[in-house]
Amino acid sequence: MILIWLIAILMIGGILAWISQSWHKNAPRWIALIAAGVDFVLVAVIWLQNLSKVDLTGQSQWLFEVNYQWIPQWGISFFLAMDGLSLLMALLTTFLGLLSVVVSWTEIKERVGFFHFNLLWILAGIMGVFTALDLFLFYFFWEVMLVPMYFLIGIWGHENRIYAAYKFFIFTQASGLLMLLSILGLYVIHGQNTGNYTFNYFHLLGTDISLFTAAWLMLGFLIAFIVKLPAVPFHNWLPDAHTEAPTAGSVILAGLLLKTGAYGLLRFVIPLFPDISELFTPAAMMLGVLGILYGAKLAYAQIDLKRLVAYTSVSHMGFVILAVFSLNELALQGAVMQMICHGISTGALFILVGAMHERIHTRNIEDMGGMWETVPRMGGVGMLFAMASLGLPGLGNFVAEFLILVGAYQVSIFWTVLATVGLIAATVYSLRIVQRVFHGEKIKDWKIPDFNVREMVVMGSMIAVIVWLGLFPQSVLNTAKHTLNSLQQRKVIEQTAWQTDSQTLNQNTSENKTIIK
């Protein structure tokens, strides 16, 4: 029942936070903090208990499962399961969710109860996405996390929040509907082939589908996931959503919602459509490199600090696409590390930008400069996470990008070399943040407070995590090992089957030629 409780605690906490606004103005904040904190502790305990087990060869890939019939006549079940990859994503979700509640403590002053209701329900939807193994249930949670984020941007965002909220909703909803069509297509084809109409993930694996049909079905899943990542040219919604969202919304968008797209590629696209994924590899690697370079270029061109950080996500998520479709062990390990490290480093930068905007009421870097002397703690934190963003050795992002490039090099030298140029571009825009905001000419005589104790606790915890990921990444790699090995083994099985079919076809062709002669 632990998987059900992880979702239920957040949903119940959200409802209580909404109701409690009439009791006391701070009641929603404390209820949300307790709900997110309990979830984080539960997931952390699960991870620590299984840390010594998940790297053993004989250990089962799936740590927890719960499966109840929901709508049996349609083959729909309430099927949740957690493996190493799901566990890592759940840990990231609860950690960033807890910090999002803390950083919103003084920023949100209106409709506090409804804000925390939406915040916790987004986290519940994300938790469901990372654990659902019934495709109908997966789509249900996919929509659950969409609607509250629309409200979060549209109600508590900045000047152009309505436009950004509509744009976010249209992009993600339209791509999600394409995924629903693909889910239904897979459901019907599997039912016609076997007589068993089901949305069960394990039953749908290995469904006999023609390459042409599989290509169209995979395209529905793929578009939904790369829009969420986002990949160029489907990235247009992200900068507006990030720029207009409140700080907590930006942290969840960058740290978690983008990761649901990467998770979908690893969990659904590659296992369900291995042959088509293999054929799509060159185009996908090109798409990843395009995102890396174009995102970096756009990031450097921004004068809005929050928009600049938003475009860095486009660049960093390009590395994930490159890694996933390289389909080798090192690249996949790098993809998982990048998902986690990007969530921490970019989430921290958004918290920094939110704190600065709350103090000086501008995000224009042309109006900043020379602020290190006034706010040295903010300057130090900003420099550390800017260094993480550019991939400084000793921090988690370096490990992630190094593994991705080494793995991708084994597949395509050309695309890997171009992707490496993205590291140079990351250095340029990261150092620009530090130089233009905290160093250089002092534009104004700033009289603003530095990070307080609450903010330093948040940033200190994120610093500890990003340094730990850089120095001791093996615990994360061991946790995801079984999931990534299963992807590798499936690839080998499919290649062996394809080679066997090809040999049989060649043998039959030779026999036919002999008979004709």
Protein backbone atom coordinates (compact mmCIF):
# COMPACT_ATOMS: atom_id res chain seq x y z
CA MET A 1 0.00 0.00 0.00
CA ILE A 2 3.01 2.32 0.23
CA LEU A 3 2.61 3.41 -3.41
CA ILE A 4 -1.03 4.34 -2.87
CA TRP A 5 -0.15 6.27 0.27
CA LEU A 6 2.57 8.26 -1.51
CA ILE A 7 -0.11 9.65 -3.83
CA ALA A 8 -2.98 9.78 -1.31
CA ILE A 9 -1.02 11.79 1.28
CA LEU A 10 -0.40 14.54 -1.27
CA MET A 11 -4.00 14.59 -2.49
CA ILE A 12 -5.48 14.59 1.01
CA GLY A 13 -2.96 17.20 2.12
CA GLY A 14 -3.97 19.41 -0.83
CA ILE A 15 -7.65 19.21 0.07
CA LEU A 16 -6.95 19.95 3.74
CA ALA A 17 -4.72 22.89 2.78
CA TRP A 18 -7.53 24.37 0.70
CA ILE A 19 -10.12 23.90 3.44
CA SER A 20 -7.85 25.16 6.23
CA GLN A 21 -7.47 28.65 4.77
CA SER A 22 -10.53 29.71 6.77
CA TRP A 23 -8.97 28.42 10.02
CA HIS A 24 -5.70 30.36 9.99
CA LYS A 25 -3.70 32.17 7.31
CA ASN A 26 -0.64 29.94 7.87
CA ALA A 27 -2.53 26.64 8.20
CA PRO A 28 -2.30 25.78 4.45
CA ARG A 29 1.45 26.32 4.51
CA TRP A 30 2.00 24.03 7.49
CA ILE A 31 -0.33 21.33 6.16
CA ALA A 32 1.42 21.38 2.77
CA LEU A 33 4.82 21.28 4.48
CA ILE A 34 3.81 18.28 6.60
CA ALA A 35 2.30 16.39 3.64
CA ALA A 36 5.32 16.98 1.40
CA GLY A 37 7.69 16.22 4.29
CA VAL A 38 6.00 12.91 5.15
CA ASP A 39 6.17 11.84 1.51
CA PHE A 40 9.85 12.76 1.31
CA VAL A 41 10.69 10.82 4.47
CA LEU A 42 8.79 7.73 3.20
CA VAL A 43 10.58 7.73 -0.15
CA ALA A 44 13.96 8.42 1.45
CA VAL A 45 13.49 5.49 3.84
CA ILE A 46 12.54 3.21 0.91
CA TRP A 47 15.64 4.29 -0.97
CA LEU A 48 17.97 3.82 1.99
CA GLN A 49 16.49 0.39 2.77
CA ASN A 50 16.94 -0.80 -0.81
CA LEU A 51 20.24 0.93 -1.50
CA SER A 52 22.21 -2.19 -0.56
CA LYS A 53 19.89 -4.49 -2.54
CA VAL A 54 19.15 -2.91 -5.89
CA ASP A 55 22.64 -3.50 -7.25
CA LEU A 56 22.57 -7.27 -6.61
CA THR A 57 22.25 -9.36 -9.76
CA GLY A 58 19.57 -11.61 -8.34
CA GLN A 59 17.39 -8.83 -6.99
CA SER A 60 14.04 -8.26 -8.69
CA GLN A 61 13.77 -5.11 -10.79
CA TRP A 62 10.43 -4.18 -9.18
CA LEU A 63 10.57 -3.18 -5.54
CA PHE A 64 6.84 -2.60 -4.95
CA GLU A 65 3.68 -3.46 -6.89
CA VAL A 66 -0.04 -2.92 -6.29
CA ASN A 67 -2.64 -4.06 -8.82
CA TYR A 68 -6.41 -3.78 -8.37
CA GLN A 69 -9.15 -4.17 -10.95
CA TRP A 70 -10.63 -0.77 -11.76
CA ILE A 71 -12.83 -1.13 -14.86
CA PRO A 72 -12.32 -4.82 -15.72
CA GLN A 73 -14.70 -4.86 -18.70
CA TRP A 74 -12.37 -2.40 -20.44
CA GLY A 75 -9.17 -3.98 -19.19
CA ILE A 76 -8.31 -1.02 -16.93
CA SER A 77 -6.60 -1.66 -13.60
CA PHE A 78 -5.16 0.46 -10.80
CA PHE A 79 -1.63 -0.82 -11.39
CA LEU A 80 1.26 0.95 -9.66
CA ALA A 81 4.82 -0.33 -9.44
CA MET A 82 8.19 1.05 -8.43
CA ASP A 83 11.60 0.05 -9.69
CA GLY A 84 14.95 1.81 -9.34
CA LEU A 85 14.18 4.48 -11.93
CA SER A 86 10.75 5.21 -10.43
CA LEU A 87 12.32 5.36 -6.97
CA LEU A 88 14.88 7.96 -8.03
CA MET A 89 12.22 10.07 -9.73
CA ALA A 90 9.97 9.80 -6.66
CA LEU A 91 12.86 10.92 -4.45
CA LEU A 92 13.48 13.92 -6.73
CA THR A 93 9.74 14.72 -6.75
CA THR A 94 9.33 14.72 -2.99
CA PHE A 95 12.58 16.62 -2.39
CA LEU A 96 11.80 19.44 -4.83
CA GLY A 97 8.14 19.42 -3.75
CA LEU A 98 9.14 19.99 -0.14
CA LEU A 99 11.49 22.83 -1.12
CA SER A 100 8.78 24.39 -3.30
CA VAL A 101 6.51 24.69 -0.28
CA VAL A 102 9.30 26.32 1.74
CA VAL A 103 10.29 28.86 -0.94
CA SER A 104 6.63 29.90 -1.36
CA TRP A 105 6.27 30.72 2.35
CA THR A 106 6.39 34.50 1.94
CA GLU A 107 6.00 34.85 -1.83
CA ILE A 108 2.36 33.69 -2.01
CA LYS A 109 0.03 36.06 -0.17
CA GLU A 110 -3.33 35.59 -1.95
CA ARG A 111 -5.53 32.47 -2.06
CA VAL A 112 -2.88 30.59 -0.10
CA GLY A 113 -5.05 27.51 0.47
CA PHE A 114 -5.91 27.05 -3.20
CA PHE A 115 -2.25 27.59 -4.15
CA HIS A 116 -1.09 24.74 -1.93
CA PHE A 117 -3.94 22.55 -3.11
CA ASN A 118 -2.71 22.92 -6.70
CA LEU A 119 0.92 22.50 -5.66
CA LEU A 120 0.31 19.21 -3.86
CA TRP A 121 -1.97 17.85 -6.58
CA ILE A 122 0.70 18.53 -9.20
CA LEU A 123 3.12 16.50 -7.08
CA ALA A 124 0.51 13.73 -6.72
CA GLY A 125 0.03 13.63 -10.49
CA ILE A 126 3.79 13.48 -11.07
CA MET A 127 4.12 10.69 -8.50
CA GLY A 128 1.38 8.79 -10.34
CA VAL A 129 3.12 9.27 -13.70
CA PHE A 130 6.35 7.82 -12.27
CA THR A 131 4.63 4.72 -10.83
CA ALA A 132 1.64 3.91 -13.11
CA LEU A 133 2.01 0.76 -15.23
CA ASP A 134 -1.51 0.72 -16.62
CA LEU A 135 -1.41 2.97 -19.68
CA PHE A 136 -4.90 4.35 -19.07
CA LEU A 137 -3.94 5.15 -15.46
CA PHE A 138 -0.71 6.70 -16.71
CA TYR A 139 -2.67 9.02 -18.99
CA PHE A 140 -5.03 9.86 -16.11
CA PHE A 141 -2.13 11.03 -13.94
CA TRP A 142 -0.60 12.82 -16.94
CA GLU A 143 -3.73 14.98 -17.03
CA VAL A 144 -3.91 15.34 -13.23
CA MET A 145 -0.55 17.16 -13.19
CA LEU A 146 -1.51 19.37 -16.14
CA VAL A 147 -4.60 21.19 -14.84
CA PRO A 148 -3.18 22.37 -11.46
CA MET A 149 -0.07 23.71 -13.21
CA TYR A 150 -2.35 25.72 -15.51
CA PHE A 151 -3.94 27.32 -12.43
CA LEU A 152 -0.57 27.85 -10.77
CA ILE A 153 0.68 29.87 -13.74
CA GLY A 154 -2.62 31.59 -14.57
CA ILE A 155 -3.47 32.78 -11.03
CA TRP A 156 -0.15 33.38 -9.24
CA GLY A 157 2.04 34.18 -12.25
CA HIS A 158 3.40 37.53 -13.38
CA GLU A 159 2.21 40.10 -15.93
CA ASN A 160 1.57 37.85 -18.96
CA ARG A 161 0.44 34.85 -16.92
CA ILE A 162 -2.83 34.25 -18.79
CA TYR A 163 -1.08 34.04 -22.16
CA ALA A 164 1.62 31.73 -20.74
CA ALA A 165 -0.96 29.50 -19.03
CA TYR A 166 -3.02 29.10 -22.22
CA LYS A 167 0.11 28.37 -24.23
CA PHE A 168 1.30 25.76 -21.74
CA PHE A 169 -2.13 24.10 -21.67
CA ILE A 170 -2.58 23.99 -25.46
CA PHE A 171 0.87 22.55 -26.18
CA THR A 172 0.76 19.88 -23.49
CA GLN A 173 -2.92 19.01 -23.90
CA ALA A 174 -2.73 18.66 -27.70
CA SER A 175 0.37 16.44 -27.51
CA GLY A 176 -1.22 14.45 -24.69
CA LEU A 177 -4.26 13.70 -26.87
CA LEU A 178 -1.93 12.26 -29.52
CA MET A 179 -0.50 9.97 -26.87
CA LEU A 180 -4.03 8.90 -25.88
CA LEU A 181 -4.76 7.95 -29.50
CA SER A 182 -1.58 5.85 -29.58
CA ILE A 183 -2.52 4.16 -26.29
CA LEU A 184 -5.95 3.28 -27.68
CA GLY A 185 -4.39 2.04 -30.93
CA LEU A 186 -2.00 -0.21 -29.02
CA TYR A 187 -4.90 -1.44 -26.86
CA VAL A 188 -7.02 -2.37 -29.91
CA ILE A 189 -4.20 -4.04 -31.85
CA HIS A 190 -3.13 -6.14 -28.86
CA GLY A 191 -6.76 -7.12 -28.24
CA GLN A 192 -7.28 -8.16 -31.86
CA ASN A 193 -4.09 -10.22 -31.83
CA THR A 194 -4.62 -11.99 -28.51
CA GLY A 195 -8.27 -11.56 -27.58
CA ASN A 196 -7.11 -9.85 -24.36
CA TYR A 197 -8.05 -6.18 -24.33
CA THR A 198 -5.89 -4.61 -21.65
CA PHE A 199 -3.90 -1.48 -20.81
CA ASN A 200 -1.43 -3.48 -18.69
CA TYR A 201 2.13 -2.40 -19.52
CA PHE A 202 3.63 -5.88 -19.25
CA HIS A 203 0.96 -7.41 -21.48
CA LEU A 204 1.46 -4.76 -24.15
CA LEU A 205 5.23 -5.30 -24.30
CA GLY A 206 6.11 -7.31 -27.37
CA THR A 207 2.77 -6.72 -29.11
CA ASP A 208 3.00 -7.92 -32.71
CA ILE A 209 2.69 -4.73 -34.80
CA SER A 210 3.76 -3.99 -38.38
CA LEU A 211 6.60 -1.47 -38.69
CA PHE A 212 4.36 1.06 -40.44
CA THR A 213 1.69 0.93 -37.71
CA ALA A 214 4.31 0.90 -34.94
CA ALA A 215 5.89 4.03 -36.40
CA TRP A 216 2.60 5.94 -36.18
CA LEU A 217 1.86 4.68 -32.68
CA MET A 218 5.34 5.55 -31.46
CA LEU A 219 4.99 9.02 -32.98
CA GLY A 220 2.00 9.75 -30.71
CA PHE A 221 3.98 8.82 -27.60
CA LEU A 222 7.10 10.55 -28.85
CA ILE A 223 5.46 13.90 -29.58
CA ALA A 224 3.83 13.99 -26.14
CA PHE A 225 7.14 13.31 -24.42
CA ILE A 226 9.41 15.60 -26.45
CA VAL A 227 6.91 18.46 -26.13
CA LYS A 228 7.11 17.98 -22.36
CA LEU A 229 10.92 17.77 -22.37
CA PRO A 230 10.89 20.09 -24.45
CA ALA A 231 12.80 19.42 -27.64
CA VAL A 232 13.34 21.94 -30.43
CA PRO A 233 11.12 22.88 -32.30
CA PHE A 234 8.43 22.05 -29.68
CA HIS A 235 10.05 24.18 -26.98
CA ASN A 236 8.15 27.41 -27.58
CA TRP A 237 5.82 27.08 -24.57
CA LEU A 238 8.58 26.63 -22.00
CA PRO A 239 10.21 30.10 -21.75
CA ASP A 240 6.84 31.83 -21.37
CA ALA A 241 5.61 29.35 -18.76
CA HIS A 242 8.84 29.63 -16.76
CA THR A 243 9.00 33.41 -17.00
CA GLU A 244 5.44 33.98 -15.82
CA ALA A 245 5.15 31.17 -13.24
CA PRO A 246 5.71 31.78 -9.52
CA THR A 247 9.00 30.45 -8.13
CA ALA A 248 7.51 27.14 -6.98
CA GLY A 249 5.90 26.68 -10.40
CA SER A 250 9.23 27.22 -12.16
CA VAL A 251 10.99 24.78 -9.83
CA ILE A 252 8.38 22.08 -10.48
CA LEU A 253 8.31 22.78 -14.22
CA ALA A 254 12.09 22.55 -14.63
CA GLY A 255 12.80 19.96 -11.98
CA LEU A 256 9.87 17.57 -12.43
CA LEU A 257 7.47 18.15 -15.34
CA LEU A 258 10.28 18.10 -17.89
CA LYS A 259 11.49 14.83 -16.37
CA THR A 260 8.13 13.15 -17.02
CA GLY A 261 8.91 13.51 -20.73
CA ALA A 262 12.35 11.92 -20.33
CA TYR A 263 10.87 9.20 -18.13
CA GLY A 264 8.26 8.46 -20.80
CA LEU A 265 10.98 7.90 -23.39
CA LEU A 266 12.77 5.42 -21.13
CA ARG A 267 9.69 3.65 -19.79
CA PHE A 268 7.37 3.53 -22.82
CA VAL A 269 8.87 4.58 -26.17
CA ILE A 270 11.99 2.40 -26.11
CA PRO A 271 10.45 -0.78 -24.56
CA LEU A 272 7.15 -0.69 -26.49
CA PHE A 273 8.65 0.20 -29.89
CA PRO A 274 12.27 -1.06 -29.89
CA ASP A 275 12.57 -1.61 -33.66
CA ILE A 276 11.25 1.82 -34.62
CA SER A 277 13.33 3.45 -31.87
CA GLU A 278 16.42 1.89 -33.40
CA LEU A 279 15.51 3.25 -36.83
CA PHE A 280 14.76 6.67 -35.35
CA THR A 281 18.16 6.93 -33.61
CA PRO A 282 19.93 9.18 -36.19
CA ALA A 283 17.01 11.64 -36.33
CA ALA A 284 16.67 11.64 -32.53
CA MET A 285 20.38 12.30 -32.00
CA MET A 286 20.15 15.19 -34.47
CA LEU A 287 17.13 16.52 -32.56
CA GLY A 288 19.05 16.29 -29.28
CA VAL A 289 22.10 18.13 -30.63
CA LEU A 290 19.85 20.79 -32.19
CA GLY A 291 18.28 21.38 -28.78
CA ILE A 292 21.69 21.56 -27.08
CA LEU A 293 23.09 24.19 -29.44
CA TYR A 294 19.94 26.21 -30.18
CA GLY A 295 18.91 26.32 -26.52
CA ALA A 296 22.38 27.55 -25.54
CA LYS A 297 22.29 30.25 -28.24
CA LEU A 298 18.89 31.51 -27.10
CA ALA A 299 19.97 31.43 -23.45
CA TYR A 300 22.93 33.68 -24.19
CA ALA A 301 20.71 36.16 -26.06
CA GLN A 302 18.31 36.80 -23.14
CA ILE A 303 18.32 39.83 -20.87
CA ASP A 304 15.51 38.48 -18.66
CA LEU A 305 17.36 36.37 -16.10
CA LYS A 306 14.47 33.94 -15.59
CA ARG A 307 14.03 33.48 -19.34
CA LEU A 308 17.77 32.86 -19.65
CA VAL A 309 17.60 30.05 -17.10
CA ALA A 310 14.53 28.65 -18.87
CA TYR A 311 16.39 28.31 -22.16
CA THR A 312 19.23 26.47 -20.42
CA SER A 313 16.69 23.69 -19.75
CA VAL A 314 16.12 23.31 -23.50
CA SER A 315 19.86 22.85 -23.93
CA HIS A 316 20.32 20.43 -21.02
CA MET A 317 17.34 18.28 -22.02
CA GLY A 318 18.91 17.91 -25.46
CA PHE A 319 21.57 15.80 -23.76
CA VAL A 320 18.84 13.50 -22.42
CA ILE A 321 17.39 12.91 -25.92
CA LEU A 322 20.90 12.23 -27.24
CA ALA A 323 21.50 9.72 -24.43
CA VAL A 324 18.18 7.87 -24.56
CA PHE A 325 18.41 7.10 -28.26
CA SER A 326 22.10 6.17 -28.07
CA LEU A 327 20.79 3.08 -26.26
CA ASN A 328 23.96 1.97 -24.55
CA GLU A 329 24.66 1.54 -20.88
CA LEU A 330 26.87 4.57 -20.30
CA ALA A 331 24.57 6.96 -22.14
CA LEU A 332 21.49 5.69 -20.30
CA GLN A 333 23.27 6.08 -16.96
CA GLY A 334 24.12 9.63 -18.00
CA ALA A 335 20.50 10.30 -18.92
CA VAL A 336 19.30 9.33 -15.43
CA MET A 337 22.02 11.43 -13.81
CA GLN A 338 21.17 14.39 -16.03
CA MET A 339 17.48 14.16 -15.13
CA ILE A 340 18.31 14.38 -11.43
CA CYS A 341 21.18 16.88 -11.59
CA HIS A 342 19.34 19.24 -13.92
CA GLY A 343 16.36 19.19 -11.56
CA ILE A 344 18.57 20.24 -8.66
CA SER A 345 20.82 22.82 -10.37
CA THR A 346 18.19 24.54 -12.52
CA GLY A 347 15.65 24.41 -9.69
CA ALA A 348 18.19 26.19 -7.49
CA LEU A 349 18.78 28.88 -10.13
CA PHE A 350 15.04 29.52 -10.38
CA ILE A 351 14.83 29.86 -6.58
CA LEU A 352 17.72 32.34 -6.74
CA VAL A 353 16.01 34.36 -9.49
CA GLY A 354 12.72 34.32 -7.55
CA ALA A 355 14.45 35.59 -4.40
CA MET A 356 16.15 38.39 -6.33
CA HIS A 357 12.92 39.41 -8.06
CA GLU A 358 11.16 39.54 -4.70
CA ARG A 359 13.84 41.96 -3.48
CA ILE A 360 14.60 44.24 -6.46
CA HIS A 361 11.38 43.74 -8.50
CA THR A 362 13.16 43.21 -11.80
CA ARG A 363 14.68 40.30 -13.72
CA ASN A 364 16.49 42.43 -16.30
CA ILE A 365 20.21 41.69 -16.05
CA GLU A 366 20.96 45.11 -17.61
CA ASP A 367 19.67 46.66 -14.37
CA MET A 368 21.85 44.49 -12.18
CA GLY A 369 25.59 44.35 -11.63
CA GLY A 370 28.00 44.54 -8.74
CA MET A 371 25.61 42.83 -6.34
CA TRP A 372 28.15 40.46 -4.76
CA GLU A 373 29.25 43.10 -2.27
CA THR A 374 25.66 43.61 -1.08
CA VAL A 375 24.45 39.98 -1.12
CA PRO A 376 27.53 37.72 -0.88
CA ARG A 377 25.54 34.62 0.10
CA MET A 378 23.35 34.97 -2.99
CA GLY A 379 26.46 35.56 -5.08
CA GLY A 380 28.21 32.45 -3.77
CA VAL A 381 25.17 30.24 -4.28
CA GLY A 382 24.61 31.69 -7.76
CA MET A 383 28.20 31.02 -8.77
CA LEU A 384 28.13 27.43 -7.51
CA PHE A 385 24.98 26.53 -9.43
CA ALA A 386 26.17 28.40 -12.52
CA MET A 387 29.29 26.21 -12.34
CA ALA A 388 27.06 23.15 -11.97
CA SER A 389 25.12 24.21 -15.07
CA LEU A 390 28.28 24.43 -17.16
CA GLY A 391 29.42 20.99 -15.95
CA LEU A 392 32.25 21.75 -13.53
CA PRO A 393 34.03 18.57 -12.34
CA GLY A 394 33.11 17.67 -8.77
CA LEU A 395 29.44 18.52 -9.30
CA GLY A 396 26.71 16.15 -10.50
CA ASN A 397 26.13 17.70 -13.93
CA PHE A 398 29.71 16.88 -14.96
CA VAL A 399 29.20 13.18 -14.27
CA ALA A 400 25.93 13.18 -16.22
CA GLU A 401 27.24 14.94 -19.32
CA PHE A 402 30.50 12.98 -19.32
CA LEU A 403 28.64 9.65 -19.30
CA ILE A 404 26.28 10.84 -22.03
CA LEU A 405 29.09 11.97 -24.33
CA VAL A 406 31.16 8.82 -23.79
CA GLY A 407 28.10 6.65 -24.51
CA ALA A 408 26.95 8.68 -27.52
CA TYR A 409 30.51 8.60 -28.96
CA GLN A 410 30.15 4.84 -29.42
CA VAL A 411 27.09 5.41 -31.61
CA SER A 412 27.90 8.58 -33.57
CA ILE A 413 31.16 10.50 -33.42
CA PHE A 414 29.77 13.34 -35.52
CA TRP A 415 26.77 14.15 -33.30
CA THR A 416 28.87 13.70 -30.14
CA VAL A 417 31.44 16.25 -31.32
CA LEU A 418 28.69 18.76 -32.05
CA ALA A 419 27.11 18.07 -28.65
CA THR A 420 30.47 18.78 -27.01
CA VAL A 421 30.32 22.28 -28.47
CA GLY A 422 27.25 22.73 -26.28
CA LEU A 423 29.49 22.46 -23.21
CA ILE A 424 31.47 25.46 -24.43
CA ALA A 425 28.24 27.38 -25.01
CA ALA A 426 27.08 26.43 -21.50
CA THR A 427 30.28 27.91 -20.11
CA VAL A 428 29.60 31.18 -21.91
CA TYR A 429 26.02 31.70 -20.75
CA SER A 430 26.73 30.45 -17.21
CA LEU A 431 29.63 32.84 -16.71
CA ARG A 432 27.50 35.61 -18.21
CA ILE A 433 24.99 35.11 -15.38
CA VAL A 434 27.70 35.49 -12.73
CA GLN A 435 29.45 38.40 -14.44
CA ARG A 436 26.40 40.52 -15.32
CA VAL A 437 24.50 40.00 -12.07
CA PHE A 438 27.09 39.79 -9.30
CA HIS A 439 30.24 41.37 -10.76
CA GLY A 440 30.92 44.12 -13.26
CA GLU A 441 29.82 47.73 -12.91
CA LYS A 442 27.55 48.50 -9.97
CA ILE A 443 24.45 49.97 -11.64
CA LYS A 444 22.66 50.97 -8.44
CA ASP A 445 23.53 51.30 -4.79
CA TRP A 446 21.60 48.19 -3.75
CA LYS A 447 20.20 48.08 -0.20
CA ILE A 448 18.60 44.64 -0.09
CA PRO A 449 18.74 41.76 2.40
CA ASP A 450 20.82 38.68 1.68
CA PHE A 451 19.50 35.11 1.93
CA ASN A 452 17.87 34.56 5.31
CA VAL A 453 18.03 31.36 7.38
CA ARG A 454 15.03 29.74 5.68
CA GLU A 455 16.44 30.40 2.22
CA MET A 456 19.93 29.23 3.18
CA VAL A 457 18.50 25.95 4.50
CA VAL A 458 16.87 25.41 1.10
CA MET A 459 19.96 26.34 -0.89
CA GLY A 460 22.28 24.49 1.48
CA SER A 461 20.34 21.26 1.03
CA MET A 462 20.52 21.64 -2.75
CA ILE A 463 24.25 22.37 -2.61
CA ALA A 464 24.79 19.24 -0.51
CA VAL A 465 22.87 17.11 -3.03
CA ILE A 466 24.61 18.43 -6.17
CA VAL A 467 28.06 18.00 -4.56
CA TRP A 468 27.17 14.51 -3.33
CA LEU A 469 25.97 13.55 -6.83
CA GLY A 470 29.28 14.78 -8.24
CA LEU A 471 31.46 12.92 -5.76
CA PHE A 472 29.41 9.76 -5.10
CA PRO A 473 27.25 9.06 -8.19
CA GLN A 474 27.47 5.28 -7.83
CA SER A 475 24.56 5.05 -5.40
CA VAL A 476 22.28 6.62 -8.03
CA LEU A 477 23.69 4.45 -10.83
CA ASN A 478 23.23 1.30 -8.74
CA THR A 479 19.63 2.21 -8.00
CA ALA A 480 18.78 2.56 -11.70
CA LYS A 481 20.94 -0.38 -12.77
CA HIS A 482 18.21 -3.02 -13.16
CA THR A 483 15.94 -0.73 -15.18
CA LEU A 484 18.71 0.28 -17.57
CA ASN A 485 19.89 -3.33 -17.89
CA SER A 486 16.38 -4.40 -18.83
CA LEU A 487 16.39 -1.81 -21.63
CA GLN A 488 19.73 -3.12 -22.83
CA GLN A 489 18.62 -6.75 -22.67
CA ARG A 490 15.44 -5.97 -24.60
CA LYS A 491 17.52 -4.30 -27.29
CA VAL A 492 19.74 -7.39 -27.57
CA ILE A 493 16.71 -9.70 -27.72
CA GLU A 494 15.08 -7.63 -30.48
CA GLN A 495 18.32 -7.48 -32.47
CA THR A 496 18.77 -11.27 -32.12
CA ALA A 497 15.19 -11.87 -33.23
CA TRP A 498 15.66 -9.55 -36.21
CA GLN A 499 18.90 -11.29 -37.22
CA THR A 500 17.21 -14.70 -36.90
CA ASP A 501 14.31 -13.54 -39.08
CA SER A 502 16.76 -12.15 -41.64
CA GLN A 503 18.74 -15.43 -41.75
CA THR A 504 15.51 -17.41 -42.15
CA LEU A 505 14.40 -15.10 -44.96
CA ASN A 506 17.76 -15.43 -46.72
CA GLN A 507 17.68 -19.22 -46.31
CA ASN A 508 14.14 -19.44 -47.75
CA THR A 509 15.13 -17.19 -50.64
CA SER A 510 18.11 -19.44 -51.47
CA GLU A 511 15.90 -22.54 -51.36
CA ASN A 512 13.35 -20.92 -53.66
CA LYS A 513 16.07 -19.99 -56.14
CA THR A 514 17.31 -23.61 -56.13
CA ILE A 515 13.78 -24.94 -56.77
CA ILE A 516 13.29 -22.49 -59.65
CA LYS A 517 16.56 -23.54 -61.21
